[in-house]
Amino acid sequence: MESMHAQGAGPTPLPQGVDRLEDSRLVGSDRVLAVLKELARYPDGAALDELTRVIGSPKPTVHRALGALRRAGLADQDPRGHYVLGDELLRMAFAHHEARPEHVRVRPVLESLAARFGETAHYAVLDSSDGRDGRGGREVVYRAKVDPPTGAVRLTSTIGGRNPTHATAVGKLLLSSRLTSLDDVRSWVGEEPLPRRTERTLCTAEALHAELERIRGQGFAVDDQENEVGINCLALAVHTTSSTTPSGAVSISGLTYRTPLGALVAAVDDLRRALGDLAAPPRPAPANTQETP
């Protein structure tokens, strides 16, 4: 799960698998879009000199791109002269997000879970934009979030935020339907060990494969402080478009001192009931092989 700590000022890191375009490759609209993407990393705004340095283009070029963005309402300047994302861009982004069918269908479930457990509920999907090396889905993207109605400590996760797939309950759950053999997992992991977020993070193909086998058997996934110390999570698959392939996963994330992992696991049937027709279809009961006397 994402951090419960306050987020600091300054640029946010680029998502894994997203590269900054080299100046020699930027022409016309590509250059304007590169400036827009860089500007989005500065929630408190960025000066022209800073953007010029980071992007690596001539100052007049960056200035012209910012001018085009301002005319379209996609960028603006604050009283300090720093550039920020424009209100029109935010309006379009939030309108698009609110109109997504999956968001409309999932949000009531998140509200119910947040109220039931007094913890934060999320809906997440695998990132579909990071598969250029044949090992896509390296991160999960949070599409919806509902905080509990009460509670002094809340998670600082954000809609659109990301986390490593192998270290999260939602990520492991979604991987379990894609990587069904040890060879699949080894191919996805690659040559280097997976990044370790805490001492409990599963970083080898063998450990991750065993975990995915367990998830397939029990029908849910947990994050036992694997992404961040002090936070645990339980996730279930969501089926908005297919009864066999999950479109995403819903999770409830709790602070360990307030909602132990055991309490979430004990309530897994309550979570399934809350999902209603979005839940995975029930697994068939084992066949009775006993002969009739």
Protein backbone atom coordinates (compact mmCIF):
# COMPACT_ATOMS: atom_id res chain seq x y z
CA MET A 1 0.00 0.00 0.00
CA GLU A 2 1.10 3.57 -0.43
CA SER A 3 2.76 5.49 2.33
CA MET A 4 0.92 6.97 5.28
CA HIS A 5 3.55 9.68 5.61
CA ALA A 6 3.05 13.22 4.37
CA GLN A 7 4.28 13.83 0.87
CA GLY A 8 7.04 16.42 0.53
CA ALA A 9 7.31 19.31 -1.91
CA GLY A 10 9.30 19.12 -5.11
CA PRO A 11 9.00 16.95 -8.18
CA THR A 12 7.43 13.56 -7.91
CA PRO A 13 9.48 10.65 -9.33
CA LEU A 14 8.82 9.36 -12.81
CA PRO A 15 6.83 6.09 -12.87
CA GLN A 16 8.92 2.98 -13.43
CA GLY A 17 9.24 2.28 -17.15
CA VAL A 18 8.53 5.87 -18.19
CA ASP A 19 11.53 7.58 -19.73
CA ARG A 20 12.04 11.29 -20.28
CA LEU A 21 12.26 11.95 -24.01
CA GLU A 22 15.59 13.11 -25.32
CA ASP A 23 15.58 16.63 -26.76
CA SER A 24 16.77 15.39 -30.16
CA ARG A 25 13.60 13.33 -30.49
CA LEU A 26 11.18 16.11 -29.57
CA VAL A 27 9.48 17.98 -32.38
CA GLY A 28 6.35 20.14 -32.44
CA SER A 29 3.56 18.70 -30.31
CA ASP A 30 5.93 16.11 -28.81
CA ARG A 31 7.89 18.92 -27.21
CA VAL A 32 4.77 20.58 -25.83
CA LEU A 33 3.58 17.28 -24.36
CA ALA A 34 7.00 16.62 -22.83
CA VAL A 35 6.82 19.99 -21.07
CA LEU A 36 3.29 19.19 -19.86
CA LYS A 37 4.36 15.80 -18.46
CA GLU A 38 7.32 17.37 -16.69
CA LEU A 39 5.16 20.14 -15.26
CA ALA A 40 2.82 17.53 -13.78
CA ARG A 41 5.68 16.41 -11.51
CA TYR A 42 5.65 19.78 -9.68
CA PRO A 43 2.44 20.13 -7.64
CA ASP A 44 3.78 23.36 -6.12
CA GLY A 45 4.75 24.80 -9.50
CA ALA A 46 8.08 25.14 -11.29
CA ALA A 47 10.05 28.12 -12.57
CA LEU A 48 10.96 28.45 -16.24
CA ASP A 49 14.67 28.05 -15.46
CA GLU A 50 14.03 24.80 -13.58
CA LEU A 51 11.91 23.33 -16.35
CA THR A 52 14.50 24.34 -18.92
CA ARG A 53 17.27 22.64 -16.96
CA VAL A 54 15.35 19.43 -16.35
CA ILE A 55 13.96 19.07 -19.87
CA GLY A 56 17.24 20.03 -21.51
CA SER A 57 15.75 22.22 -24.23
CA PRO A 58 16.57 25.88 -24.95
CA LYS A 59 14.72 28.34 -22.74
CA PRO A 60 12.86 30.02 -25.66
CA THR A 61 11.63 26.60 -26.78
CA VAL A 62 10.31 25.67 -23.33
CA HIS A 63 8.78 29.13 -22.98
CA ARG A 64 6.91 28.74 -26.28
CA ALA A 65 5.63 25.33 -25.21
CA LEU A 66 4.39 26.77 -21.92
CA GLY A 67 2.69 29.57 -23.84
CA ALA A 68 0.83 27.04 -25.98
CA LEU A 69 -0.25 25.15 -22.87
CA ARG A 70 -1.45 28.36 -21.20
CA ARG A 71 -3.51 29.34 -24.24
CA ALA A 72 -5.21 25.94 -24.11
CA GLY A 73 -5.87 26.26 -20.37
CA LEU A 74 -3.61 23.30 -19.64
CA ALA A 75 -1.04 25.39 -17.72
CA ASP A 76 -1.09 28.60 -15.72
CA GLN A 77 1.20 30.85 -13.69
CA ASP A 78 0.85 31.48 -10.00
CA PRO A 79 1.61 34.82 -8.31
CA ARG A 80 5.28 33.82 -7.98
CA GLY A 81 5.56 33.38 -11.73
CA HIS A 82 5.88 29.62 -11.38
CA TYR A 83 4.08 27.39 -13.84
CA VAL A 84 1.40 24.98 -12.64
CA LEU A 85 -1.12 22.69 -14.29
CA GLY A 86 -4.14 24.62 -15.52
CA ASP A 87 -7.68 24.31 -14.22
CA GLU A 88 -8.93 23.13 -17.61
CA LEU A 89 -6.60 20.14 -17.54
CA LEU A 90 -7.73 19.23 -14.03
CA ARG A 91 -11.38 19.65 -15.03
CA MET A 92 -10.95 17.28 -17.98
CA ALA A 93 -9.00 14.74 -15.96
CA PHE A 94 -11.50 14.60 -13.10
CA ALA A 95 -14.50 14.56 -15.47
CA HIS A 96 -12.97 11.65 -17.34
CA HIS A 97 -12.20 9.80 -14.13
CA GLU A 98 -15.70 10.28 -12.75
CA ALA A 99 -17.27 9.07 -16.02
CA ARG A 100 -15.35 5.79 -16.15
CA PRO A 101 -17.86 2.95 -15.82
CA GLU A 102 -15.52 0.98 -13.54
CA HIS A 103 -15.22 3.95 -11.19
CA VAL A 104 -18.98 4.43 -11.02
CA ARG A 105 -19.55 0.76 -10.26
CA VAL A 106 -16.69 0.32 -7.79
CA ARG A 107 -16.99 3.46 -5.68
CA PRO A 108 -20.07 2.37 -3.66
CA VAL A 109 -18.15 -0.79 -2.71
CA LEU A 110 -15.17 1.26 -1.54
CA GLU A 111 -17.42 3.52 0.51
CA SER A 112 -19.01 0.50 2.16
CA LEU A 113 -15.66 -1.10 2.99
CA ALA A 114 -14.14 2.14 4.32
CA ALA A 115 -17.12 2.63 6.62
CA ARG A 116 -17.18 -1.04 7.69
CA PHE A 117 -13.50 -1.26 8.64
CA GLY A 118 -12.63 2.35 9.40
CA GLU A 119 -9.69 2.05 7.00
CA THR A 120 -8.83 3.14 3.45
CA ALA A 121 -10.27 1.25 0.48
CA HIS A 122 -8.74 1.30 -3.01
CA TYR A 123 -9.44 0.06 -6.51
CA ALA A 124 -6.29 -0.66 -8.54
CA VAL A 125 -5.28 -2.11 -11.89
CA LEU A 126 -2.03 -3.31 -13.41
CA ASP A 127 -0.17 -0.64 -15.33
CA SER A 128 -0.61 -1.38 -19.03
CA SER A 129 1.97 1.12 -20.28
CA ASP A 130 5.19 -0.47 -19.02
CA GLY A 131 5.41 -3.61 -21.13
CA ARG A 132 8.06 -2.60 -23.63
CA ASP A 133 10.50 -5.18 -22.27
CA GLY A 134 7.96 -7.98 -22.36
CA ARG A 135 7.53 -7.86 -18.58
CA GLY A 136 4.52 -5.58 -18.25
CA GLY A 137 2.51 -4.98 -15.13
CA ARG A 138 5.49 -4.04 -13.00
CA GLU A 139 3.40 -1.48 -11.13
CA VAL A 140 -0.18 -1.10 -9.98
CA VAL A 141 -2.10 2.12 -10.55
CA TYR A 142 -4.75 3.29 -8.10
CA ARG A 143 -7.94 4.26 -9.95
CA ALA A 144 -10.17 5.03 -6.97
CA LYS A 145 -9.77 5.64 -3.25
CA VAL A 146 -12.13 6.21 -0.32
CA ASP A 147 -10.87 7.23 3.09
CA PRO A 148 -12.68 6.20 6.28
CA PRO A 149 -15.17 8.72 7.66
CA THR A 150 -13.20 8.95 10.91
CA GLY A 151 -9.64 8.37 12.07
CA ALA A 152 -6.74 10.66 12.82
CA VAL A 153 -4.18 8.77 10.70
CA ARG A 154 -4.94 8.21 7.03
CA LEU A 155 -2.95 6.91 4.08
CA THR A 156 -1.54 9.48 1.68
CA SER A 157 -2.14 7.31 -1.39
CA THR A 158 -3.57 9.19 -4.37
CA ILE A 159 -5.67 8.34 -7.39
CA GLY A 160 -3.17 7.74 -10.17
CA GLY A 161 -0.44 6.79 -7.70
CA ARG A 162 1.66 3.68 -8.22
CA ASN A 163 3.36 0.93 -6.25
CA PRO A 164 5.45 -2.14 -7.16
CA THR A 165 3.18 -5.00 -8.17
CA HIS A 166 5.09 -7.71 -6.31
CA ALA A 167 4.93 -5.84 -2.99
CA THR A 168 1.18 -5.17 -2.88
CA ALA A 169 -1.87 -7.33 -2.28
CA VAL A 170 -3.70 -5.93 -5.32
CA GLY A 171 -0.64 -6.49 -7.50
CA LYS A 172 -0.02 -10.07 -6.41
CA LEU A 173 -3.69 -10.90 -6.80
CA LEU A 174 -3.74 -9.64 -10.40
CA LEU A 175 -0.45 -11.37 -11.20
CA SER A 176 -1.84 -14.67 -9.94
CA SER A 177 -4.20 -14.88 -12.92
CA ARG A 178 -1.42 -14.09 -15.41
CA LEU A 179 1.66 -15.89 -14.14
CA THR A 180 0.49 -19.46 -13.61
CA SER A 181 3.81 -21.31 -13.70
CA LEU A 182 7.25 -20.88 -12.22
CA ASP A 183 8.62 -20.28 -15.72
CA ASP A 184 6.09 -17.46 -16.19
CA VAL A 185 7.20 -15.86 -12.94
CA ARG A 186 10.89 -16.24 -13.75
CA SER A 187 10.38 -14.63 -17.15
CA TRP A 188 8.47 -11.74 -15.55
CA VAL A 189 11.04 -11.19 -12.80
CA GLY A 190 14.02 -11.25 -15.15
CA GLU A 191 17.67 -11.51 -14.20
CA GLU A 192 17.73 -9.13 -11.23
CA PRO A 193 15.97 -9.62 -7.87
CA LEU A 194 12.82 -7.59 -7.39
CA PRO A 195 13.15 -4.35 -5.37
CA ARG A 196 12.90 -4.91 -1.63
CA ARG A 197 10.54 -2.44 0.07
CA THR A 198 10.68 -4.01 3.53
CA GLU A 199 12.28 -7.09 5.07
CA ARG A 200 9.06 -8.97 4.23
CA THR A 201 8.96 -8.16 0.50
CA LEU A 202 9.04 -11.23 -1.75
CA CYS A 203 11.98 -10.61 -4.07
CA THR A 204 12.71 -13.94 -5.78
CA ALA A 205 10.80 -15.76 -8.49
CA GLU A 206 10.48 -18.84 -6.30
CA ALA A 207 9.01 -16.94 -3.35
CA LEU A 208 6.63 -14.98 -5.57
CA HIS A 209 5.50 -18.13 -7.40
CA ALA A 210 4.70 -19.85 -4.09
CA GLU A 211 2.70 -16.79 -3.03
CA LEU A 212 0.75 -16.69 -6.31
CA GLU A 213 -0.08 -20.39 -5.90
CA ARG A 214 -1.41 -19.66 -2.43
CA ILE A 215 -3.50 -16.75 -3.74
CA ARG A 216 -5.07 -18.89 -6.45
CA GLY A 217 -5.96 -21.47 -3.84
CA GLN A 218 -7.55 -19.13 -1.32
CA GLY A 219 -9.09 -16.58 -3.69
CA PHE A 220 -7.61 -13.46 -2.06
CA ALA A 221 -4.23 -11.82 -1.49
CA VAL A 222 -2.60 -10.11 1.46
CA ASP A 223 0.22 -7.64 1.94
CA ASP A 224 1.74 -8.37 5.33
CA GLN A 225 3.83 -5.17 5.66
CA GLU A 226 5.57 -6.07 2.41
CA ASN A 227 5.30 -2.62 0.85
CA GLU A 228 5.56 -0.49 3.97
CA VAL A 229 6.16 -1.28 7.63
CA GLY A 230 3.04 -0.68 9.70
CA ILE A 231 0.53 -1.17 6.89
CA ASN A 232 -1.18 -4.39 5.87
CA CYS A 233 -3.77 -5.05 3.20
CA LEU A 234 -6.22 -7.62 1.85
CA ALA A 235 -7.36 -7.63 -1.79
CA LEU A 236 -10.07 -9.32 -3.84
CA ALA A 237 -10.52 -9.44 -7.60
CA VAL A 238 -13.07 -7.25 -9.35
CA HIS A 239 -14.78 -8.38 -12.56
CA THR A 240 -16.37 -5.45 -14.41
CA THR A 241 -16.09 -6.82 -17.96
CA SER A 242 -15.30 -10.55 -17.76
CA SER A 243 -16.30 -13.37 -15.43
CA THR A 244 -12.93 -15.07 -15.90
CA THR A 245 -10.35 -12.27 -16.14
CA PRO A 246 -10.26 -9.65 -13.36
CA SER A 247 -10.33 -6.04 -14.51
CA GLY A 248 -8.75 -4.90 -11.27
CA ALA A 249 -8.75 -5.45 -7.53
CA VAL A 250 -10.37 -3.88 -4.50
CA SER A 251 -8.39 -3.69 -1.28
CA ILE A 252 -8.80 -2.60 2.29
CA SER A 253 -5.57 -1.28 3.83
CA GLY A 254 -5.18 -0.99 7.56
CA LEU A 255 -2.64 0.30 10.02
CA THR A 256 -1.32 -2.77 11.82
CA TYR A 257 -1.88 -1.38 15.33
CA ARG A 258 -5.48 -0.53 14.47
CA THR A 259 -6.61 -3.31 12.12
CA PRO A 260 -4.39 -6.42 12.32
CA LEU A 261 -4.08 -8.55 9.21
CA GLY A 262 -5.86 -11.39 10.99
CA ALA A 263 -8.95 -9.21 11.39
CA LEU A 264 -9.03 -8.55 7.64
CA VAL A 265 -8.61 -12.23 6.78
CA ALA A 266 -11.37 -13.20 9.22
CA ALA A 267 -13.70 -10.77 7.43
CA VAL A 268 -12.92 -11.90 3.88
CA ASP A 269 -16.46 -13.23 3.39
CA ASP A 270 -17.82 -9.80 4.33
CA LEU A 271 -15.60 -8.27 1.64
CA ARG A 272 -16.87 -10.73 -0.94
CA ARG A 273 -20.48 -9.93 -0.07
CA ALA A 274 -19.72 -6.20 -0.36
CA LEU A 275 -18.46 -6.75 -3.92
CA GLY A 276 -21.76 -8.29 -4.96
CA ASP A 277 -21.87 -9.04 -8.70
CA LEU A 278 -18.37 -7.55 -9.11
CA ALA A 279 -16.84 -10.46 -7.20
CA ALA A 280 -15.20 -13.43 -8.84
CA PRO A 281 -17.65 -16.26 -9.58
CA PRO A 282 -17.65 -18.94 -6.89
CA ARG A 283 -15.15 -21.71 -7.42
CA PRO A 284 -16.68 -25.14 -8.05
CA ALA A 285 -16.69 -27.50 -5.11
CA PRO A 286 -14.28 -30.46 -5.32
CA ALA A 287 -15.82 -33.48 -6.97
CA ASN A 288 -16.97 -36.24 -4.64
CA THR A 289 -14.98 -39.30 -5.62
CA GLN A 290 -16.46 -41.65 -3.01
CA GLU A 291 -18.44 -44.55 -4.46
CA THR A 292 -22.06 -44.93 -3.47
CA PRO A 293 -22.49 -48.07 -1.39
